[in-house]
Amino acid sequence: MALYQIVLTLVVLLALVAGGSALQCNCTNCERTGFECETDGACMASTFISQGKEEHVRICIAREHLVPPGQPFYCLSAEGLLNTHCCYEDYCNSVDLKAPVPRKGDGWSGTWGPVELVAVIAGPVFLMCVVLMGGVFLFQYHQRAYSHRQRLDVEDPSCDHLYLAKDKTLQDLIYDMSTSGSGSGLPLFVQRTVARTIVLQEIIGKGRFGEVWRGKWRGGDVAVKIFSSREERSWFREAEIYQTIMLRHDNILGFIAADNKDNGTWTQLWLVSDYHEHGSLFDYLNHYSVTIEGMIKLALSAASGLAHLHMEILGTQGKPGIAHRDLKSKNILVKKNGMCAIADLGLAVRHESITDTIDIAPNQRVGTKRYMAPEVLDETINMKHFDSFKCADIYALGLVYWEVARRCNTGGIHEEYQLPYFDLVPSDPSIEEMRKVVCDQRLRPNVPNWWQSYESLRVMGKIMRECWYANGAARLTALRIKKTLSQLSVDEDVKM
């Protein structure tokens, strides 16, 4: 092809040199110039069939139009459609070309208009673009598939021996990672390896978020909270809060792992945590009464967990202050040793003291109406002031203490379990019903006079009242409650 192009170029140059500055050609459309034309390019003759009639065309082609080199577009014939001849000598396009012969069975009627010409030219170009785009898409797809396989190689439970020694228990893992690292829990790849090797055993609870299961991992029990797909924000938020640096504490539910597992039909959102066989404080108080020692242990451990949650720890490995916003007996778990662990941090807010900003998740859920503080019910709470959220937690903690103290068995006497305000509002009260009782009538749960006969119950009653003030700023802090109950545990000789 290169040799042909060189020869063709030489022919054109020789023709130009031999014929002077221009090439003389026959021209069928040049009546004014005697059916002749001049060009610095080539003479062309073309024959085609139009409406069943043979047509001849002779014209000049300018040199600038003789592209691409070697096989100029204007000089190409089309089998059965167009017979074209280009030449480079004076009047060389006088030749009579035979008309193209249509191919049988191709459906061609002998008519070739501009639309057909465009189709012939544009069709191959379009096809080439489609092939090119398809190639790019396949390349990107294989790149993504390769990357995904690489991620799966890390996350695949069959590879867990690469990272997790077979004799390691969850407690060992969490202790190693929490003490040697930032105190925010297991690394992400370990979380996924653990989550994907858990075997679910039985369902142990349900809520508006989804279900809670008891699962097994290496012979140990874990709790698996499975969120419905519409609660993805709650799942993400709770996992995010649990992984806050330095959050781990004996009286806050031990977070183990978060994972989104695709079972082929839908995506399951898992939150894996420590398993506590007693369940929630609500369940525990429904089944059991408590001794004075048991009451103090529950109350003190709950205050310790909340104090740690509220507390800001300064430093490079510091912790922001966190407010719970949905504290209630159903969101506090009872451990085997009779202590509490605060759970369900899906509505929690964090306070960044450096910028003095409050990190509130974009979540449509609200707290539990029965436990809402007066300022939340009447919407006077200052959402820009972090202490306002902590004060609302303290109000709810006072209600939880009332639930616990009612079940305290003193001298063989204890009351049946009831929710706060059970005698003042229906089982599922509205915000308006709660506002009327708490804000308008300023009522609070009843504290019996006979509690004054027992020091522990007297102290508990005093703490409750100081948690229930209408003015949030006047309420006790979690740290103050913890110190008061710590002194009470010493006075009552309670072994913590």
Protein backbone atom coordinates (compact mmCIF):
# COMPACT_ATOMS: atom_id res chain seq x y z
CA MET A 1 0.00 0.00 0.00
CA ALA A 2 2.86 2.42 0.78
CA LEU A 3 4.50 1.71 -2.62
CA TYR A 4 1.18 2.35 -4.35
CA GLN A 5 0.81 5.71 -2.59
CA ILE A 6 4.34 6.78 -3.67
CA VAL A 7 3.67 5.79 -7.30
CA LEU A 8 0.32 7.61 -7.28
CA THR A 9 1.93 10.77 -5.90
CA LEU A 10 4.65 10.65 -8.54
CA VAL A 11 2.04 10.25 -11.29
CA VAL A 12 0.17 13.31 -10.05
CA LEU A 13 3.35 15.39 -9.87
CA LEU A 14 4.46 14.31 -13.34
CA ALA A 15 1.02 15.13 -14.71
CA LEU A 16 1.17 18.58 -13.18
CA VAL A 17 4.70 19.20 -14.51
CA ALA A 18 3.81 17.94 -17.99
CA GLY A 19 0.57 19.82 -18.24
CA GLY A 20 1.63 23.13 -16.79
CA SER A 21 0.00 24.55 -13.73
CA ALA A 22 -3.39 22.81 -14.19
CA LEU A 23 -4.94 19.56 -15.37
CA GLN A 24 -7.65 19.80 -18.08
CA CYS A 25 -10.67 17.56 -17.60
CA ASN A 26 -14.07 16.94 -19.17
CA CYS A 27 -16.95 18.31 -17.07
CA THR A 28 -20.59 17.33 -17.58
CA ASN A 29 -21.86 20.21 -15.43
CA CYS A 30 -19.73 23.06 -16.83
CA GLU A 31 -21.79 24.54 -19.65
CA ARG A 32 -20.23 28.03 -19.30
CA THR A 33 -16.69 26.76 -19.84
CA GLY A 34 -17.52 24.44 -22.72
CA PHE A 35 -17.93 21.38 -20.58
CA GLU A 36 -14.30 21.58 -19.45
CA CYS A 37 -12.65 22.32 -16.11
CA GLU A 38 -9.19 22.79 -14.64
CA THR A 39 -7.81 21.26 -11.45
CA ASP A 40 -4.60 20.69 -9.55
CA GLY A 41 -5.88 17.30 -8.49
CA ALA A 42 -7.49 14.64 -10.71
CA CYS A 43 -10.10 14.03 -13.42
CA MET A 44 -12.98 11.75 -12.44
CA ALA A 45 -15.53 9.79 -14.45
CA SER A 46 -18.42 8.03 -12.72
CA THR A 47 -21.34 5.89 -13.91
CA PHE A 48 -24.36 4.79 -11.84
CA ILE A 49 -28.00 3.76 -12.25
CA SER A 50 -30.63 6.32 -11.13
CA GLN A 51 -34.36 5.48 -11.34
CA GLY A 52 -33.59 2.70 -13.80
CA LYS A 53 -31.59 5.01 -16.06
CA GLU A 54 -27.82 5.02 -16.63
CA GLU A 55 -26.18 8.29 -15.59
CA HIS A 56 -22.64 9.55 -16.43
CA VAL A 57 -20.74 12.20 -14.49
CA ARG A 58 -17.36 13.75 -15.39
CA ILE A 59 -15.84 16.33 -13.06
CA CYS A 60 -12.60 17.82 -11.70
CA ILE A 61 -11.45 16.96 -8.18
CA ALA A 62 -9.26 19.47 -6.36
CA ARG A 63 -5.99 18.18 -4.94
CA GLU A 64 -7.09 19.03 -1.39
CA HIS A 65 -10.00 16.61 -1.78
CA LEU A 66 -7.78 13.69 -2.73
CA VAL A 67 -7.76 12.27 0.78
CA PRO A 68 -6.95 9.83 2.18
CA PRO A 69 -3.76 9.21 0.15
CA GLY A 70 -3.74 6.16 -2.05
CA GLN A 71 -7.49 5.47 -2.05
CA PRO A 72 -9.24 8.88 -2.19
CA PHE A 73 -12.85 8.72 -1.07
CA TYR A 74 -14.15 10.32 -4.27
CA CYS A 75 -12.39 7.69 -6.39
CA LEU A 76 -13.93 4.62 -4.74
CA SER A 77 -16.42 2.39 -6.57
CA ALA A 78 -19.26 0.54 -4.84
CA GLU A 79 -20.05 -2.90 -6.18
CA GLY A 80 -23.44 -2.94 -7.86
CA LEU A 81 -24.02 0.72 -7.05
CA LEU A 82 -21.32 3.04 -8.38
CA ASN A 83 -18.47 2.70 -10.95
CA THR A 84 -15.82 5.43 -10.52
CA HIS A 85 -12.50 6.16 -12.27
CA CYS A 86 -9.90 8.82 -11.33
CA CYS A 87 -6.96 9.76 -13.60
CA TYR A 88 -4.21 12.39 -13.81
CA GLU A 89 -3.76 13.33 -17.50
CA ASP A 90 -5.56 15.93 -19.60
CA TYR A 91 -9.08 14.80 -20.56
CA CYS A 92 -8.39 11.30 -19.29
CA ASN A 93 -11.94 11.10 -17.86
CA SER A 94 -13.38 10.77 -21.37
CA VAL A 95 -13.53 7.02 -20.88
CA ASP A 96 -16.95 5.31 -21.01
CA LEU A 97 -17.41 3.27 -17.90
CA LYS A 98 -19.80 0.36 -17.78
CA ALA A 99 -22.80 0.83 -15.52
CA PRO A 100 -22.64 -1.11 -12.22
CA VAL A 101 -24.57 -4.38 -12.18
CA PRO A 102 -26.94 -4.72 -9.16
CA ARG A 103 -26.52 -7.89 -7.09
CA LYS A 104 -29.51 -10.18 -7.16
CA GLY A 105 -31.52 -10.67 -4.01
CA ASP A 106 -30.20 -7.59 -2.20
CA GLY A 107 -33.51 -5.74 -2.59
CA TRP A 108 -31.92 -2.77 -4.34
CA SER A 109 -34.35 -0.99 -6.62
CA GLY A 110 -31.74 0.84 -8.66
CA THR A 111 -32.34 4.12 -6.79
CA TRP A 112 -29.50 5.50 -4.68
CA GLY A 113 -30.34 8.72 -2.83
CA PRO A 114 -28.51 10.82 -0.21
CA VAL A 115 -30.12 8.90 2.69
CA GLU A 116 -28.74 5.62 1.38
CA LEU A 117 -25.31 7.16 0.90
CA VAL A 118 -25.30 8.50 4.47
CA ALA A 119 -26.38 5.06 5.73
CA VAL A 120 -23.57 3.34 3.85
CA ILE A 121 -21.01 5.75 5.26
CA ALA A 122 -22.39 6.20 8.79
CA GLY A 123 -23.29 2.54 9.39
CA PRO A 124 -19.74 1.19 9.62
CA VAL A 125 -18.64 4.24 11.66
CA PHE A 126 -21.47 3.68 14.15
CA LEU A 127 -20.71 -0.03 14.36
CA MET A 128 -17.05 0.73 15.03
CA CYS A 129 -18.06 3.13 17.87
CA VAL A 130 -20.32 0.49 19.43
CA VAL A 131 -17.52 -2.10 19.30
CA LEU A 132 -15.07 0.39 20.83
CA MET A 133 -17.47 1.33 23.65
CA GLY A 134 -18.18 -2.35 24.30
CA GLY A 135 -14.46 -3.00 24.56
CA VAL A 136 -14.00 -0.16 27.07
CA PHE A 137 -16.95 -1.41 29.14
CA LEU A 138 -15.63 -4.99 29.21
CA PHE A 139 -12.19 -3.74 30.23
CA GLN A 140 -13.65 -1.71 33.14
CA TYR A 141 -15.89 -4.62 34.16
CA HIS A 142 -12.94 -7.02 34.35
CA GLN A 143 -10.96 -4.42 36.30
CA ARG A 144 -13.79 -4.11 38.86
CA ALA A 145 -14.22 -7.87 39.02
CA TYR A 146 -10.51 -8.27 39.65
CA SER A 147 -10.57 -5.67 42.43
CA HIS A 148 -13.67 -7.30 43.94
CA ARG A 149 -11.97 -10.71 43.92
CA GLN A 150 -9.00 -9.15 45.69
CA ARG A 151 -11.30 -7.73 48.38
CA LEU A 152 -13.06 -11.07 48.74
CA ASP A 153 -9.70 -12.76 49.20
CA VAL A 154 -9.22 -10.54 52.27
CA GLU A 155 -12.78 -10.81 53.54
CA ASP A 156 -13.39 -14.48 52.74
CA PRO A 157 -13.87 -16.38 56.02
CA SER A 158 -11.82 -19.22 54.57
CA CYS A 159 -8.84 -16.88 54.87
CA ASP A 160 -9.39 -16.06 58.53
CA HIS A 161 -6.44 -18.22 59.51
CA LEU A 162 -4.26 -15.55 57.89
CA TYR A 163 -5.31 -13.05 60.54
CA LEU A 164 -6.93 -14.87 63.45
CA ALA A 165 -5.13 -17.56 65.39
CA LYS A 166 -7.39 -20.59 65.79
CA ASP A 167 -7.08 -20.59 69.55
CA LYS A 168 -8.11 -16.92 69.90
CA THR A 169 -11.46 -16.23 71.55
CA LEU A 170 -13.43 -13.03 71.01
CA GLN A 171 -12.39 -11.78 74.41
CA ASP A 172 -8.72 -12.35 73.50
CA LEU A 173 -9.13 -10.55 70.18
CA ILE A 174 -10.95 -7.57 71.68
CA TYR A 175 -8.47 -7.28 74.54
CA ASP A 176 -5.48 -7.41 72.17
CA MET A 177 -6.90 -4.90 69.69
CA SER A 178 -8.35 -2.51 72.27
CA THR A 179 -5.28 -2.31 74.50
CA SER A 180 -2.72 -2.10 71.70
CA GLY A 181 -4.67 0.21 69.41
CA SER A 182 -7.01 3.14 69.70
CA GLY A 183 -9.57 1.47 71.94
CA SER A 184 -12.23 1.65 69.22
CA GLY A 185 -12.58 -2.09 68.62
CA LEU A 186 -11.52 -4.61 66.00
CA PRO A 187 -10.09 -3.65 62.59
CA LEU A 188 -12.59 -3.75 59.73
CA PHE A 189 -11.22 -6.88 58.04
CA VAL A 190 -11.32 -8.76 61.38
CA GLN A 191 -14.92 -7.61 61.94
CA ARG A 192 -15.95 -8.99 58.56
CA THR A 193 -14.09 -12.26 59.09
CA VAL A 194 -15.81 -12.73 62.46
CA ALA A 195 -19.27 -11.69 61.22
CA ARG A 196 -19.17 -14.05 58.23
CA THR A 197 -18.30 -17.08 60.32
CA ILE A 198 -21.09 -16.64 62.91
CA VAL A 199 -23.81 -19.29 62.98
CA LEU A 200 -27.22 -17.96 64.05
CA GLN A 201 -28.92 -20.08 66.74
CA GLU A 202 -32.22 -18.53 67.85
CA ILE A 203 -34.12 -15.28 67.76
CA ILE A 204 -34.13 -13.53 71.15
CA GLY A 205 -35.85 -10.24 70.43
CA LYS A 206 -37.59 -7.97 67.94
CA GLY A 207 -37.89 -4.22 67.58
CA ARG A 208 -38.71 -1.49 65.10
CA PHE A 209 -35.19 -1.83 63.64
CA GLY A 210 -35.41 -5.61 62.97
CA GLU A 211 -34.45 -8.70 64.99
CA VAL A 212 -31.88 -9.82 67.58
CA TRP A 213 -30.41 -13.33 67.37
CA ARG A 214 -28.13 -15.38 69.55
CA GLY A 215 -25.23 -16.61 67.44
CA LYS A 216 -22.16 -18.81 67.89
CA TRP A 217 -18.56 -17.98 67.05
CA ARG A 218 -15.84 -20.48 67.98
CA GLY A 219 -18.05 -21.96 70.69
CA GLY A 220 -18.87 -18.59 72.29
CA ASP A 221 -22.22 -16.78 72.28
CA VAL A 222 -22.68 -13.42 70.56
CA ALA A 223 -25.72 -11.22 69.98
CA VAL A 224 -26.50 -10.35 66.35
CA LYS A 225 -28.75 -7.38 65.73
CA ILE A 226 -30.10 -7.66 62.17
CA PHE A 227 -31.49 -4.40 60.79
CA SER A 228 -34.11 -4.24 58.08
CA SER A 229 -32.95 -2.59 54.85
CA ARG A 230 -35.05 0.53 55.52
CA GLU A 231 -33.11 1.04 58.77
CA GLU A 232 -29.74 1.31 57.04
CA ARG A 233 -29.12 4.77 58.51
CA SER A 234 -29.70 3.48 62.05
CA TRP A 235 -27.36 0.54 61.43
CA PHE A 236 -24.62 2.75 60.01
CA ARG A 237 -24.99 5.33 62.78
CA GLU A 238 -24.90 2.78 65.60
CA ALA A 239 -21.83 1.05 64.13
CA GLU A 240 -20.18 4.46 63.70
CA ILE A 241 -20.84 5.46 67.33
CA TYR A 242 -19.70 2.09 68.72
CA GLN A 243 -16.37 2.49 66.90
CA THR A 244 -15.68 5.88 68.50
CA ILE A 245 -12.16 5.97 69.89
CA MET A 246 -11.93 5.09 73.62
CA LEU A 247 -15.63 4.22 73.89
CA ARG A 248 -15.11 0.66 75.19
CA HIS A 249 -16.19 0.39 78.83
CA ASP A 250 -17.45 -2.35 81.15
CA ASN A 251 -20.86 -0.69 81.41
CA ILE A 252 -21.38 -0.02 77.70
CA LEU A 253 -22.39 -2.94 75.49
CA GLY A 254 -19.28 -4.52 73.97
CA PHE A 255 -19.28 -3.99 70.23
CA ILE A 256 -17.67 -6.76 68.13
CA ALA A 257 -18.42 -6.26 64.45
CA ALA A 258 -20.58 -4.62 61.79
CA ASP A 259 -21.12 -6.11 58.34
CA ASN A 260 -23.53 -5.88 55.43
CA LYS A 261 -24.17 -9.40 54.16
CA ASP A 262 -25.78 -10.06 50.77
CA ASN A 263 -27.71 -13.34 50.94
CA GLY A 264 -28.65 -13.21 47.25
CA THR A 265 -32.16 -11.81 47.76
CA TRP A 266 -31.57 -8.79 49.97
CA THR A 267 -28.81 -7.20 52.02
CA GLN A 268 -28.72 -7.99 55.73
CA LEU A 269 -27.23 -5.34 58.01
CA TRP A 270 -25.53 -7.00 60.98
CA LEU A 271 -24.35 -5.51 64.24
CA VAL A 272 -22.55 -8.07 66.41
CA SER A 273 -22.07 -7.47 70.14
CA ASP A 274 -21.54 -9.27 73.44
CA TYR A 275 -24.34 -11.65 74.42
CA HIS A 276 -25.97 -11.25 77.84
CA GLU A 277 -28.32 -14.09 78.72
CA HIS A 278 -30.42 -12.00 81.15
CA GLY A 279 -31.48 -9.74 78.28
CA SER A 280 -32.63 -6.18 78.87
CA LEU A 281 -33.21 -4.55 82.25
CA PHE A 282 -36.90 -4.41 81.29
CA ASP A 283 -36.99 -8.21 80.85
CA TYR A 284 -34.93 -8.79 83.98
CA LEU A 285 -37.17 -6.67 86.24
CA ASN A 286 -40.26 -8.35 84.82
CA HIS A 287 -38.92 -11.74 85.87
CA TYR A 288 -37.01 -10.99 89.06
CA SER A 289 -37.13 -8.77 92.11
CA VAL A 290 -33.78 -7.41 93.36
CA THR A 291 -32.08 -7.12 96.70
CA ILE A 292 -30.74 -3.80 98.03
CA GLU A 293 -27.27 -4.91 96.94
CA GLY A 294 -28.62 -5.87 93.49
CA MET A 295 -30.39 -2.51 93.16
CA ILE A 296 -27.22 -0.57 93.99
CA LYS A 297 -25.13 -2.61 91.54
CA LEU A 298 -27.64 -2.01 88.72
CA ALA A 299 -27.98 1.70 89.50
CA LEU A 300 -24.25 2.37 89.98
CA SER A 301 -23.17 0.46 86.86
CA ALA A 302 -25.79 2.29 84.74
CA ALA A 303 -24.53 5.63 86.06
CA SER A 304 -20.91 4.58 85.36
CA GLY A 305 -21.75 3.68 81.77
CA LEU A 306 -23.63 6.94 81.19
CA ALA A 307 -20.86 8.99 82.84
CA HIS A 308 -18.29 7.45 80.50
CA LEU A 309 -20.57 8.07 77.51
CA HIS A 310 -21.08 11.74 78.48
CA MET A 311 -17.44 12.37 79.37
CA GLU A 312 -15.05 13.98 76.90
CA ILE A 313 -11.49 12.64 76.98
CA LEU A 314 -8.91 15.11 75.66
CA GLY A 315 -5.75 14.14 73.80
CA THR A 316 -4.65 12.56 70.53
CA GLN A 317 -6.38 9.33 71.54
CA GLY A 318 -9.28 11.24 73.07
CA LYS A 319 -13.00 10.62 73.03
CA PRO A 320 -15.80 13.09 72.24
CA GLY A 321 -18.72 13.55 74.60
CA ILE A 322 -21.69 11.37 73.57
CA ALA A 323 -25.36 11.69 74.58
CA HIS A 324 -27.60 8.62 74.25
CA ARG A 325 -31.00 10.27 73.48
CA ASP A 326 -33.01 7.03 73.90
CA LEU A 327 -32.14 5.78 77.37
CA LYS A 328 -34.71 3.37 78.84
CA SER A 329 -34.86 -0.02 80.55
CA LYS A 330 -35.20 -1.83 77.19
CA ASN A 331 -31.92 -0.28 76.01
CA ILE A 332 -29.93 -1.34 79.07
CA LEU A 333 -28.71 -4.95 79.30
CA VAL A 334 -28.05 -6.96 82.48
CA LYS A 335 -24.76 -8.83 82.60
CA LYS A 336 -24.18 -12.16 84.34
CA ASN A 337 -22.49 -10.36 87.28
CA GLY A 338 -25.59 -8.23 87.94
CA MET A 339 -24.13 -5.10 86.34
CA CYS A 340 -25.65 -2.99 83.56
CA ALA A 341 -24.40 -2.34 80.03
CA ILE A 342 -25.92 0.57 78.09
CA ALA A 343 -26.89 -0.43 74.54
CA ASP A 344 -28.64 0.86 71.39
CA LEU A 345 -26.62 3.92 70.39
CA GLY A 346 -28.46 4.45 67.09
CA LEU A 347 -29.76 7.88 68.12
CA ALA A 348 -26.64 9.06 69.95
CA VAL A 349 -25.05 12.45 69.25
CA ARG A 350 -21.38 13.37 69.54
CA HIS A 351 -19.92 16.71 70.61
CA GLU A 352 -16.74 17.96 68.93
CA SER A 353 -15.40 20.44 71.49
CA ILE A 354 -12.68 21.84 69.19
CA THR A 355 -15.27 23.14 66.73
CA ASP A 356 -18.10 23.18 69.30
CA THR A 357 -20.34 21.27 66.88
CA ILE A 358 -22.87 18.53 67.55
CA ASP A 359 -22.85 15.55 65.22
CA ILE A 360 -26.53 14.64 64.85
CA ALA A 361 -27.26 11.81 62.43
CA PRO A 362 -29.88 12.41 59.68
CA ASN A 363 -32.25 9.87 61.22
CA GLN A 364 -36.04 10.07 61.17
CA ARG A 365 -36.38 8.15 64.44
CA VAL A 366 -37.16 9.95 67.70
CA GLY A 367 -36.66 8.79 71.26
CA THR A 368 -39.23 6.81 73.26
CA LYS A 369 -42.09 9.17 74.19
CA ARG A 370 -42.56 7.79 77.71
CA TYR A 371 -38.96 8.65 78.60
CA MET A 372 -38.78 12.05 76.91
CA ALA A 373 -37.66 14.96 79.09
CA PRO A 374 -40.04 17.95 79.48
CA GLU A 375 -37.90 20.16 77.24
CA VAL A 376 -38.03 17.52 74.48
CA LEU A 377 -41.80 17.13 74.79
CA ASP A 378 -42.52 20.87 74.58
CA GLU A 379 -39.73 21.41 72.01
CA THR A 380 -37.86 24.01 74.07
CA ILE A 381 -34.60 22.02 74.12
CA ASN A 382 -31.59 23.93 72.82
CA MET A 383 -30.35 21.66 70.01
CA LYS A 384 -27.15 23.71 69.64
CA HIS A 385 -26.05 23.13 73.24
CA PHE A 386 -24.62 19.67 73.95
CA ASP A 387 -25.37 19.81 77.68
CA SER A 388 -29.09 19.92 76.79
CA PHE A 389 -28.86 16.36 75.43
CA LYS A 390 -26.98 15.14 78.50
CA CYS A 391 -29.66 16.65 80.78
CA ALA A 392 -32.36 14.80 78.80
CA ASP A 393 -30.44 11.53 79.38
CA ILE A 394 -30.37 12.21 83.13
CA TYR A 395 -34.16 12.65 83.22
CA ALA A 396 -34.56 9.25 81.54
CA LEU A 397 -32.04 7.66 83.92
CA GLY A 398 -34.18 8.84 86.86
CA LEU A 399 -37.18 6.99 85.38
CA VAL A 400 -35.08 3.82 84.96
CA TYR A 401 -34.04 4.08 88.63
CA TRP A 402 -37.70 4.29 89.60
CA GLU A 403 -38.36 1.01 87.70
CA VAL A 404 -35.46 -0.68 89.53
CA ALA A 405 -36.31 0.63 93.01
CA ARG A 406 -39.93 -0.57 92.77
CA ARG A 407 -38.63 -4.13 92.38
CA CYS A 408 -36.32 -3.89 95.40
CA ASN A 409 -37.20 -6.60 97.91
CA THR A 410 -36.95 -5.17 101.45
CA GLY A 411 -38.26 -7.24 104.33
CA GLY A 412 -40.11 -9.51 101.89
CA ILE A 413 -41.94 -6.53 100.35
CA HIS A 414 -41.62 -5.49 96.72
CA GLU A 415 -43.98 -4.08 94.11
CA GLU A 416 -44.89 -5.54 90.74
CA TYR A 417 -43.04 -4.24 87.73
CA GLN A 418 -44.51 -1.21 85.97
CA LEU A 419 -43.38 1.28 83.35
CA PRO A 420 -43.01 4.94 84.39
CA TYR A 421 -46.34 6.86 84.28
CA PHE A 422 -48.23 3.54 83.92
CA ASP A 423 -51.10 5.02 85.96
CA LEU A 424 -51.23 8.33 84.07
CA VAL A 425 -50.95 7.54 80.34
CA PRO A 426 -51.99 4.62 78.05
CA SER A 427 -49.62 1.79 77.06
CA ASP A 428 -48.52 3.59 73.89
CA PRO A 429 -48.87 7.29 74.73
CA SER A 430 -48.66 10.08 72.20
CA ILE A 431 -46.35 13.05 72.61
CA GLU A 432 -49.39 15.21 73.35
CA GLU A 433 -50.51 12.88 76.17
CA MET A 434 -47.02 12.84 77.66
CA ARG A 435 -46.68 16.64 77.35
CA LYS A 436 -49.95 17.15 79.21
CA VAL A 437 -48.81 14.98 82.16
CA VAL A 438 -45.11 15.93 82.33
CA CYS A 439 -45.11 19.59 81.22
CA ASP A 440 -48.58 20.97 81.93
CA GLN A 441 -49.49 19.06 85.11
CA ARG A 442 -45.82 18.64 86.15
CA LEU A 443 -46.47 15.12 87.41
CA ARG A 444 -43.76 12.53 88.09
CA PRO A 445 -43.82 8.82 89.08
CA ASN A 446 -44.89 8.23 92.67
CA VAL A 447 -42.10 7.79 95.27
CA PRO A 448 -43.65 5.88 98.25
CA ASN A 449 -43.16 7.29 101.75
CA TRP A 450 -42.06 3.92 103.15
CA TRP A 451 -38.84 4.18 101.12
CA GLN A 452 -37.69 6.65 103.80
CA SER A 453 -37.37 3.68 106.18
CA TYR A 454 -34.45 2.25 104.19
CA GLU A 455 -31.33 4.33 103.57
CA SER A 456 -30.69 2.85 100.13
CA LEU A 457 -34.24 3.52 98.92
CA ARG A 458 -34.18 6.97 100.51
CA VAL A 459 -31.00 7.85 98.57
CA MET A 460 -32.46 6.39 95.37
CA GLY A 461 -35.65 8.45 95.85
CA LYS A 462 -33.62 11.63 96.37
CA ILE A 463 -31.55 10.97 93.23
CA MET A 464 -34.71 10.39 91.18
CA ARG A 465 -36.30 13.68 92.23
CA GLU A 466 -33.10 15.53 91.37
CA CYS A 467 -33.10 13.90 87.93
CA TRP A 468 -36.69 14.97 87.23
CA TYR A 469 -36.45 18.75 87.64
CA ALA A 470 -38.32 20.64 84.93
CA ASN A 471 -35.22 22.80 84.48
CA GLY A 472 -32.62 20.58 82.85
CA ALA A 473 -29.69 22.64 84.11
CA ALA A 474 -30.74 21.93 87.73
CA ARG A 475 -30.52 18.14 87.30
CA LEU A 476 -27.64 16.04 88.60
CA THR A 477 -24.81 15.02 86.29
CA ALA A 478 -24.03 11.36 85.60
CA LEU A 479 -20.70 11.76 87.38
CA ARG A 480 -22.39 13.22 90.49
CA ILE A 481 -24.87 10.30 90.55
CA LYS A 482 -21.99 7.82 90.17
CA LYS A 483 -20.14 9.36 93.13
CA THR A 484 -23.26 9.34 95.34
CA LEU A 485 -24.02 5.69 94.55
CA SER A 486 -20.35 4.72 94.99
CA GLN A 487 -20.50 6.10 98.54
CA LEU A 488 -23.80 4.27 99.11
CA SER A 489 -22.19 0.99 97.95
CA VAL A 490 -19.40 1.52 100.49
CA ASP A 491 -21.90 2.29 103.28
CA GLU A 492 -23.96 -0.79 102.43
CA ASP A 493 -20.83 -2.93 101.97
CA VAL A 494 -21.78 -3.88 98.43
CA LYS A 495 -19.14 -5.88 96.56
CA MET A 496 -18.90 -4.44 93.04
